[in-house]
Protein backbone atom coordinates (compact mmCIF):
# COMPACT_ATOMS: atom_id res chain seq x y z
CA MET A 1 83.48 93.04 82.35
CA ARG A 2 86.47 91.77 84.67
CA PRO A 3 89.49 89.88 83.43
CA ALA A 4 88.91 86.54 84.56
CA SER A 5 91.10 85.82 87.40
CA GLN A 6 91.94 82.38 89.40
CA PHE A 7 91.27 84.73 92.37
CA PHE A 8 87.90 86.34 91.85
CA ILE A 9 84.95 85.46 94.22
CA ALA A 10 82.06 87.47 93.30
CA GLU A 11 80.64 90.99 91.30
CA THR A 12 77.70 93.12 92.23
CA GLY A 13 77.01 96.60 90.66
CA GLY A 14 79.04 98.41 93.37
CA TRP A 15 81.53 95.65 94.52
CA VAL A 16 84.37 93.06 93.81
CA VAL A 17 85.05 89.69 95.76
CA ASP A 18 88.60 88.43 95.54
CA HIS A 19 90.94 86.16 97.54
CA ARG A 20 93.73 88.10 98.50
CA ALA A 21 96.39 87.18 96.30
CA ASN A 22 99.33 87.56 98.83
CA SER A 23 98.26 85.96 101.67
CA ALA A 24 98.87 82.50 102.61
CA LEU A 25 95.67 82.10 104.59
CA PRO A 26 93.08 80.30 103.11
CA GLY A 27 89.60 82.26 102.96
CA TYR A 28 91.55 86.01 103.22
CA LEU A 29 89.23 87.95 101.18
CA VAL A 30 89.02 91.28 100.18
CA VAL A 31 85.89 93.20 99.17
CA ALA A 32 86.40 96.17 96.87
CA SER A 33 84.13 99.24 96.46
CA LYS A 34 84.32 99.83 92.68
CA ARG A 35 83.60 103.35 93.54
CA SER A 36 86.49 105.67 94.85
CA ALA A 37 86.12 106.32 98.14
CA ASP A 38 87.66 107.59 101.28
CA ASP A 39 84.72 106.31 103.69
CA LEU A 40 81.57 104.12 103.33
CA SER A 41 79.50 107.08 104.40
CA ASP A 42 80.58 108.58 100.73
CA LEU A 43 78.91 105.59 98.78
CA SER A 44 75.81 105.45 97.53
CA ASP A 45 72.41 104.10 99.19
CA ASP A 46 72.75 101.14 96.61
CA ASP A 47 75.81 99.97 97.09
CA LEU A 48 75.87 100.06 100.99
CA ARG A 49 72.20 98.06 100.63
CA GLU A 50 75.00 95.34 98.55
CA ILE A 51 77.26 95.03 100.79
CA GLY A 52 75.45 93.19 103.82
CA PRO A 53 73.89 90.87 101.55
CA LEU A 54 77.35 90.38 99.85
CA LEU A 55 79.63 89.82 103.00
CA ALA A 56 76.91 86.95 104.33
CA LEU A 57 77.43 85.34 101.08
CA SER A 58 81.09 85.42 101.33
CA GLN A 59 80.87 84.25 104.93
CA ALA A 60 78.37 81.21 103.74
CA ALA A 61 80.60 80.16 101.13
CA LEU A 62 83.79 80.12 103.14
CA LYS A 63 81.88 78.42 105.95
CA LYS A 64 81.06 75.17 102.71
């Protein structure tokens, strides 16, 4: 379980979305893989299936 953070937005099995702490731009998000990988092609199919809907939900939240 992640520690509580004022920058935390969302989390899935393979990804974490946070507001960029050192950015003055509102809505500047970081989507980070929980897995160590140098390239998206190194990630599992499950992790890759999660990122599309996660990005869509993040964008929808920003639009609100």
